[in-house]
C-alpha atoms as a PDB file:
ATOM      1  CA  MET A   1       0.000   0.000   0.000  1.00  0.00           C
ATOM      2  CA  LYS A   2       2.826   2.398   0.863  1.00  0.00           C
ATOM      3  CA  LEU A   3       4.543   1.702  -2.460  1.00  0.00           C
ATOM      4  CA  THR A   4       1.291   2.348  -4.362  1.00  0.00           C
ATOM      5  CA  ARG A   5       0.841   5.685  -2.644  1.00  0.00           C
ATOM      6  CA  LYS A   6       4.435   6.634  -3.380  1.00  0.00           C
ATOM      7  CA  LEU A   7       4.056   5.783  -7.049  1.00  0.00           C
ATOM      8  CA  ALA A   8       0.802   7.758  -7.283  1.00  0.00           C
ATOM      9  CA  ALA A   9       2.434  10.754  -5.641  1.00  0.00           C
ATOM     10  CA  LEU A  10       5.390  10.434  -7.991  1.00  0.00           C
ATOM     11  CA  ALA A  11       3.137  10.420 -11.057  1.00  0.00           C
ATOM     12  CA  MET A  12       1.261  13.497  -9.844  1.00  0.00           C
ATOM     13  CA  ALA A  13       4.531  15.298  -9.168  1.00  0.00           C
ATOM     14  CA  VAL A  14       5.795  14.578 -12.677  1.00  0.00           C
ATOM     15  CA  LEU A  15       2.552  15.821 -14.277  1.00  0.00           C
ATOM     16  CA  LEU A  16       2.678  18.972 -12.177  1.00  0.00           C
ATOM     17  CA  ALA A  17       6.323  19.547 -13.029  1.00  0.00           C
ATOM     18  CA  VAL A  18       5.666  19.226 -16.754  1.00  0.00           C
ATOM     19  CA  SER A  19       2.659  21.531 -16.640  1.00  0.00           C
ATOM     20  CA  LEU A  20       4.468  24.249 -14.703  1.00  0.00           C
ATOM     21  CA  THR A  21       7.554  24.540 -16.898  1.00  0.00           C
ATOM     22  CA  ALA A  22       7.725  26.074 -20.334  1.00  0.00           C
ATOM     23  CA  CYS A  23      11.416  25.509 -20.934  1.00  0.00           C
ATOM     24  CA  SER A  24      12.679  22.020 -21.912  1.00  0.00           C
ATOM     25  CA  PRO A  25       9.880  20.192 -20.039  1.00  0.00           C
ATOM     26  CA  LYS A  26      11.193  16.716 -20.866  1.00  0.00           C
ATOM     27  CA  GLU A  27      14.710  17.314 -19.552  1.00  0.00           C
ATOM     28  CA  TRP A  28      13.436  19.230 -16.515  1.00  0.00           C
ATOM     29  CA  ALA A  29      10.953  16.496 -15.649  1.00  0.00           C
ATOM     30  CA  GLN A  30      13.690  13.863 -15.855  1.00  0.00           C
ATOM     31  CA  ASP A  31      15.728  15.714 -13.241  1.00  0.00           C
ATOM     32  CA  VAL A  32      12.682  16.029 -11.010  1.00  0.00           C
ATOM     33  CA  VAL A  33      11.924  12.312 -11.320  1.00  0.00           C
ATOM     34  CA  VAL A  34      15.468  11.330 -10.353  1.00  0.00           C
ATOM     35  CA  ASN A  35      15.392  13.548  -7.278  1.00  0.00           C
ATOM     36  CA  LEU A  36      11.950  12.378  -6.210  1.00  0.00           C
ATOM     37  CA  VAL A  37      12.786   8.708  -6.676  1.00  0.00           C
ATOM     38  CA  HIS A  38      15.669   9.000  -4.233  1.00  0.00           C
ATOM     39  CA  LYS A  39      13.800  11.188  -1.736  1.00  0.00           C
ATOM     40  CA  MET A  40      10.820   8.841  -1.673  1.00  0.00           C
ATOM     41  CA  GLY A  41      13.012   5.820  -0.995  1.00  0.00           C
ATOM     42  CA  LEU A  42      12.143   3.966  -4.193  1.00  0.00           C
ATOM     43  CA  VAL A  43      15.849   3.515  -4.943  1.00  0.00           C
ATOM     44  CA  GLU A  44      18.459   3.068  -2.268  1.00  0.00           C
ATOM     45  CA  GLU A  45      21.509   5.260  -2.574  1.00  0.00           C
ATOM     46  CA  SER A  46      24.889   3.671  -2.082  1.00  0.00           C
ATOM     47  CA  ASP A  47      28.031   5.248  -0.738  1.00  0.00           C
ATOM     48  CA  GLU A  48      30.143   2.476  -2.224  1.00  0.00           C
ATOM     49  CA  GLU A  49      32.478   3.483  -5.033  1.00  0.00           C
ATOM     50  CA  ASP A  50      33.738   1.258  -7.793  1.00  0.00           C
ATOM     51  CA  THR A  51      37.210   0.063  -6.834  1.00  0.00           C
ATOM     52  CA  ASP A  52      39.947  -1.523  -8.909  1.00  0.00           C
ATOM     53  CA  THR A  53      40.669  -4.922  -7.379  1.00  0.00           C
ATOM     54  CA  THR A  54      43.478  -5.880  -9.763  1.00  0.00           C
ATOM     55  CA  THR A  55      47.048  -6.110  -8.494  1.00  0.00           C
ATOM     56  CA  LYS A  56      49.419  -3.859 -10.412  1.00  0.00           C
ATOM     57  CA  ALA A  57      53.185  -4.145 -10.241  1.00  0.00           C
ATOM     58  CA  PRO A  58      54.900  -0.952  -9.053  1.00  0.00           C
ATOM     59  CA  ALA A  59      57.789   0.610 -10.936  1.00  0.00           C
ATOM     60  CA  GLY A  60      61.173  -0.930 -10.219  1.00  0.00           C
ATOM     61  CA  GLY A  61      63.929  -3.290 -11.295  1.00  0.00           C
ATOM     62  CA  SER A  62      65.346  -3.736 -14.769  1.00  0.00           C
ATOM     63  CA  VAL A  63      65.370  -6.406 -17.476  1.00  0.00           C
ATOM     64  CA  GLU A  64      68.579  -6.938 -19.436  1.00  0.00           C
ATOM     65  CA  PHE A  65      68.731 -10.091 -21.531  1.00  0.00           C
ATOM     66  CA  PRO A  66      71.982 -12.100 -21.612  1.00  0.00           C
ATOM     67  CA  ALA A  67      74.042 -11.428 -24.738  1.00  0.00           C
ATOM     68  CA  GLU A  68      73.818 -15.074 -25.814  1.00  0.00           C
ATOM     69  CA  MET A  69      70.007 -15.193 -25.613  1.00  0.00           C
ATOM     70  CA  ASP A  70      68.325 -15.214 -29.027  1.00  0.00           C
ATOM     71  CA  THR A  71      65.150 -13.248 -28.288  1.00  0.00           C
ATOM     72  CA  ASP A  72      63.951 -13.513 -31.909  1.00  0.00           C
ATOM     73  CA  SER A  73      64.016 -17.300 -32.220  1.00  0.00           C
ATOM     74  CA  ALA A  74      60.349 -17.716 -31.200  1.00  0.00           C
ATOM     75  CA  ARG A  75      57.274 -15.809 -30.067  1.00  0.00           C
ATOM     76  CA  VAL A  76      58.201 -16.723 -26.488  1.00  0.00           C
ATOM     77  CA  VAL A  77      61.768 -17.539 -25.496  1.00  0.00           C
ATOM     78  CA  THR A  78      62.660 -18.773 -21.984  1.00  0.00           C
ATOM     79  CA  TYR A  79      66.337 -18.709 -21.037  1.00  0.00           C
ATOM     80  CA  PRO A  80      67.704 -19.706 -17.583  1.00  0.00           C
ATOM     81  CA  VAL A  81      70.934 -18.342 -16.160  1.00  0.00           C
ATOM     82  CA  ASP A  82      71.881 -19.419 -12.622  1.00  0.00           C
ATOM     83  CA  ASP A  83      68.888 -18.510 -10.427  1.00  0.00           C
ATOM     84  CA  THR A  84      67.174 -16.276 -12.994  1.00  0.00           C
ATOM     85  CA  LEU A  85      64.793 -17.076 -15.838  1.00  0.00           C
ATOM     86  CA  TYR A  86      64.668 -14.582 -18.704  1.00  0.00           C
ATOM     87  CA  VAL A  87      61.576 -14.505 -20.889  1.00  0.00           C
ATOM     88  CA  SER A  88      61.129 -12.572 -24.130  1.00  0.00           C
ATOM     89  CA  PHE A  89      57.797 -12.328 -25.936  1.00  0.00           C
ATOM     90  CA  ASN A  90      57.182 -10.912 -29.370  1.00  0.00           C
ATOM     91  CA  GLY A  91      53.762  -9.781 -30.616  1.00  0.00           C
ATOM     92  CA  ILE A  92      51.679 -12.057 -28.413  1.00  0.00           C
ATOM     93  CA  ALA A  93      48.198 -12.064 -26.886  1.00  0.00           C
ATOM     94  CA  ASN A  94      48.284 -15.258 -24.822  1.00  0.00           C
ATOM     95  CA  ARG A  95      51.293 -17.540 -24.399  1.00  0.00           C
ATOM     96  CA  SER A  96      53.033 -19.617 -21.718  1.00  0.00           C
ATOM     97  CA  THR A  97      56.625 -20.189 -20.714  1.00  0.00           C
ATOM     98  CA  GLU A  98      58.222 -23.587 -20.369  1.00  0.00           C
ATOM     99  CA  TYR A  99      58.066 -25.214 -16.938  1.00  0.00           C
ATOM    100  CA  PHE A 100      60.744 -24.193 -14.462  1.00  0.00           C
ATOM    101  CA  VAL A 101      61.642 -25.175 -10.894  1.00  0.00           C
ATOM    102  CA  ALA A 102      61.040 -22.770  -8.018  1.00  0.00           C
ATOM    103  CA  GLY A 103      63.901 -22.366  -5.574  1.00  0.00           C
ATOM    104  CA  GLY A 104      61.725 -21.193  -2.677  1.00  0.00           C
ATOM    105  CA  ASP A 105      58.273 -20.011  -1.698  1.00  0.00           C
ATOM    106  CA  SER A 106      58.530 -16.767  -3.670  1.00  0.00           C
ATOM    107  CA  MET A 107      59.889 -15.412  -6.947  1.00  0.00           C
ATOM    108  CA  THR A 108      60.414 -11.813  -8.018  1.00  0.00           C
ATOM    109  CA  VAL A 109      59.187 -10.896 -11.496  1.00  0.00           C
ATOM    110  CA  THR A 110      60.378  -7.783 -13.313  1.00  0.00           C
ATOM    111  CA  GLY A 111      58.638  -7.001 -16.574  1.00  0.00           C
ATOM    112  CA  TYR A 112      58.254  -4.456 -19.340  1.00  0.00           C
ATOM    113  CA  ALA A 113      56.358  -4.311 -22.628  1.00  0.00           C
ATOM    114  CA  SER A 114      55.135  -2.078 -25.412  1.00  0.00           C
ATOM    115  CA  THR A 115      51.883  -2.045 -27.359  1.00  0.00           C
ATOM    116  CA  GLU A 116      50.413  -0.086 -30.238  1.00  0.00           C
ATOM    117  CA  ALA A 117      47.181   0.436 -28.319  1.00  0.00           C
ATOM    118  CA  SER A 118      46.602   3.975 -27.051  1.00  0.00           C
ATOM    119  CA  SER A 119      43.553   3.427 -24.849  1.00  0.00           C
ATOM    120  CA  GLU A 120      44.254   3.422 -21.116  1.00  0.00           C
ATOM    121  CA  ASN A 121      42.075   0.317 -20.823  1.00  0.00           C
ATOM    122  CA  TYR A 122      44.602  -1.677 -22.865  1.00  0.00           C
ATOM    123  CA  MET A 123      47.849  -0.378 -21.409  1.00  0.00           C
ATOM    124  CA  TYR A 124      48.379  -3.464 -19.235  1.00  0.00           C
ATOM    125  CA  PHE A 125      49.382  -7.078 -19.793  1.00  0.00           C
ATOM    126  CA  LYS A 126      49.158  -9.680 -17.051  1.00  0.00           C
ATOM    127  CA  ILE A 127      51.024 -12.738 -15.842  1.00  0.00           C
ATOM    128  CA  ALA A 128      49.934 -15.678 -13.693  1.00  0.00           C
ATOM    129  CA  PHE A 129      51.701 -18.670 -12.141  1.00  0.00           C
ATOM    130  CA  TRP A 130      50.508 -22.270 -12.620  1.00  0.00           C
ATOM    131  CA  GLU A 131      51.817 -25.225 -10.615  1.00  0.00           C
ATOM    132  CA  LEU A 132      52.352 -28.623 -12.259  1.00  0.00           C
ATOM    133  CA  SER A 133      51.132 -31.687 -10.355  1.00  0.00           C
ATOM    134  CA  ASP A 134      53.627 -34.356  -9.339  1.00  0.00           C
ATOM    135  CA  ASP A 135      52.267 -36.789 -11.931  1.00  0.00           C
ATOM    136  CA  LYS A 136      52.550 -34.044 -14.559  1.00  0.00           C
ATOM    137  CA  THR A 137      48.915 -34.373 -15.652  1.00  0.00           C
ATOM    138  CA  MET A 138      47.363 -31.247 -14.154  1.00  0.00           C
ATOM    139  CA  THR A 139      48.161 -27.599 -13.525  1.00  0.00           C
ATOM    140  CA  SER A 140      46.675 -25.551 -10.709  1.00  0.00           C
ATOM    141  CA  TYR A 141      46.489 -21.769 -10.580  1.00  0.00           C
ATOM    142  CA  VAL A 142      48.579 -20.231  -7.815  1.00  0.00           C
ATOM    143  CA  PRO A 143      46.196 -18.014  -5.805  1.00  0.00           C
ATOM    144  CA  ASN A 144      46.817 -14.262  -6.002  1.00  0.00           C
ATOM    145  CA  SER A 145      49.515 -14.692  -8.642  1.00  0.00           C
ATOM    146  CA  THR A 146      47.803 -12.637 -11.373  1.00  0.00           C
ATOM    147  CA  ILE A 147      49.754  -9.398 -11.658  1.00  0.00           C
ATOM    148  CA  TYR A 148      49.235  -6.561 -14.133  1.00  0.00           C
ATOM    149  CA  PHE A 149      52.220  -4.795 -15.706  1.00  0.00           C
ATOM    150  CA  ARG A 150      51.837  -1.479 -17.490  1.00  0.00           C
ATOM    151  CA  ALA A 151      52.868  -1.712 -21.157  1.00  0.00           C
ATOM    152  CA  ASP A 152      54.623   1.640 -21.472  1.00  0.00           C
ATOM    153  CA  GLU A 153      58.159   0.253 -21.995  1.00  0.00           C
ATOM    154  CA  ALA A 154      59.123   1.019 -18.379  1.00  0.00           C
ATOM    155  CA  ASP A 155      60.181  -1.663 -15.871  1.00  0.00           C
ATOM    156  CA  TYR A 156      57.834  -2.876 -13.140  1.00  0.00           C
ATOM    157  CA  GLN A 157      58.446  -5.431 -10.403  1.00  0.00           C
ATOM    158  CA  TYR A 158      56.425  -7.682  -8.098  1.00  0.00           C
ATOM    159  CA  THR A 159      57.200 -10.617  -5.787  1.00  0.00           C
ATOM    160  CA  ILE A 160      54.910 -13.644  -6.111  1.00  0.00           C
ATOM    161  CA  THR A 161      54.429 -15.725  -2.949  1.00  0.00           C
ATOM    162  CA  GLY A 162      52.687 -19.008  -2.191  1.00  0.00           C
ATOM    163  CA  LEU A 163      55.067 -21.202  -4.195  1.00  0.00           C
ATOM    164  CA  THR A 164      56.705 -24.451  -3.113  1.00  0.00           C
ATOM    165  CA  ALA A 165      60.423 -25.055  -3.439  1.00  0.00           C
ATOM    166  CA  GLY A 166      61.210 -27.863  -5.898  1.00  0.00           C
ATOM    167  CA  LYS A 167      57.820 -27.712  -7.625  1.00  0.00           C
ATOM    168  CA  GLN A 168      57.517 -26.953 -11.333  1.00  0.00           C
ATOM    169  CA  TYR A 169      55.672 -23.869 -12.554  1.00  0.00           C
ATOM    170  CA  LYS A 170      54.897 -22.052 -15.744  1.00  0.00           C
ATOM    171  CA  ILE A 171      53.919 -18.428 -16.309  1.00  0.00           C
ATOM    172  CA  THR A 172      51.108 -17.409 -18.599  1.00  0.00           C
ATOM    173  CA  ILE A 173      51.415 -14.024 -20.291  1.00  0.00           C
ATOM    174  CA  SER A 174      48.208 -12.540 -21.653  1.00  0.00           C
ATOM    175  CA  TYR A 175      46.921  -9.300 -23.106  1.00  0.00           C
ATOM    176  CA  ASP A 176      43.227  -8.435 -23.105  1.00  0.00           C
ATOM    177  CA  ASN A 177      43.279  -6.544 -26.419  1.00  0.00           C
ATOM    178  CA  GLY A 178      44.894  -9.309 -28.434  1.00  0.00           C
ATOM    179  CA  ASN A 179      42.150  -9.270 -31.048  1.00  0.00           C
ATOM    180  CA  LYS A 180      43.574  -6.045 -32.462  1.00  0.00           C
ATOM    181  CA  TYR A 181      46.891  -5.194 -30.816  1.00  0.00           C
ATOM    182  CA  TYR A 182      49.656  -7.251 -29.225  1.00  0.00           C
ATOM    183  CA  VAL A 183      52.425  -6.828 -26.662  1.00  0.00           C
ATOM    184  CA  THR A 184      56.163  -7.219 -27.044  1.00  0.00           C
ATOM    185  CA  GLY A 185      58.548  -7.217 -24.107  1.00  0.00           C
ATOM    186  CA  GLY A 186      60.287  -9.326 -21.518  1.00  0.00           C
ATOM    187  CA  LEU A 187      60.400 -10.718 -18.004  1.00  0.00           C
ATOM    188  CA  LYS A 188      63.139 -11.433 -15.510  1.00  0.00           C
ATOM    189  CA  VAL A 189      62.057 -14.091 -13.006  1.00  0.00           C
ATOM    190  CA  GLU A 190      64.395 -14.386 -10.019  1.00  0.00           C
ATOM    191  CA  GLY A 191      64.405 -17.329  -7.635  1.00  0.00           C
ATOM    192  CA  LEU A 192      64.988 -20.405  -9.819  1.00  0.00           C
ATOM    193  CA  GLY A 193      65.873 -23.635  -8.084  1.00  0.00           C
ATOM    194  CA  SER A 194      67.319 -25.206 -11.224  1.00  0.00           C
ATOM    195  CA  THR A 195      68.230 -24.265 -14.778  1.00  0.00           C
ATOM    196  CA  GLU A 196      66.188 -27.246 -16.020  1.00  0.00           C
ATOM    197  CA  LEU A 197      63.276 -26.346 -18.314  1.00  0.00           C
ATOM    198  CA  ASN A 198      60.550 -28.762 -19.363  1.00  0.00           C
ATOM    199  CA  THR A 199      57.709 -28.954 -21.858  1.00  0.00           C
ATOM    200  CA  TYR A 200      54.832 -31.353 -21.391  1.00  0.00           C
ATOM    201  CA  GLY A 201      51.721 -32.275 -23.347  1.00  0.00           C
ATOM    202  CA  ASP A 202      48.254 -30.802 -22.935  1.00  0.00           C
ATOM    203  CA  GLU A 203      47.689 -31.179 -19.237  1.00  0.00           C
ATOM    204  CA  GLU A 204      44.372 -30.585 -17.497  1.00  0.00           C
ATOM    205  CA  THR A 205      44.008 -27.291 -15.652  1.00  0.00           C
ATOM    206  CA  THR A 206      42.162 -26.637 -12.429  1.00  0.00           C
ATOM    207  CA  ASN A 207      41.474 -23.620 -10.237  1.00  0.00           C
ATOM    208  CA  SER A 208      41.581 -25.626  -7.033  1.00  0.00           C
END
């Protein structure tokens, strides 16, 4: 009953507003309706603001490929040196590295890239870590390992945690605007437990 009365009062207010104005009645009435709707409690106002929940890597570090690394030999090239894995990627939208061994429970990733896109919405590429099961048949996403790197040719750095020493991982590199533009750049992943790299068949993936 209360809602019916509110709606009736709202309709009468709109008709009165339109009849009393001689200048842009449609636009004026729209403003009146919006104000009345909120005042009459037909729509709840919210103080919550839209927030960006993505994790962005802050500026820092540097990526310098070893002189002997052939960064043009493939779309994605992974090259281990001591405890560091270097990754170059050329004009990609979604690719993965080879599997590598983690030396501890965290690894520091420094990355940079460039893109032809000019929109702020497409100025980031992202990485994520995936852990290979012991029987090498399944990969599981490492929670909170998706990090966004700005593609403005500058260096950015972030430390990924939640890894297990001795386990094998791969990094996926993806770019949300790959249907039109692509990213080219590189990563330096510090914290390798071995210089061994592996490639396996199409394993099943899981989010658990």
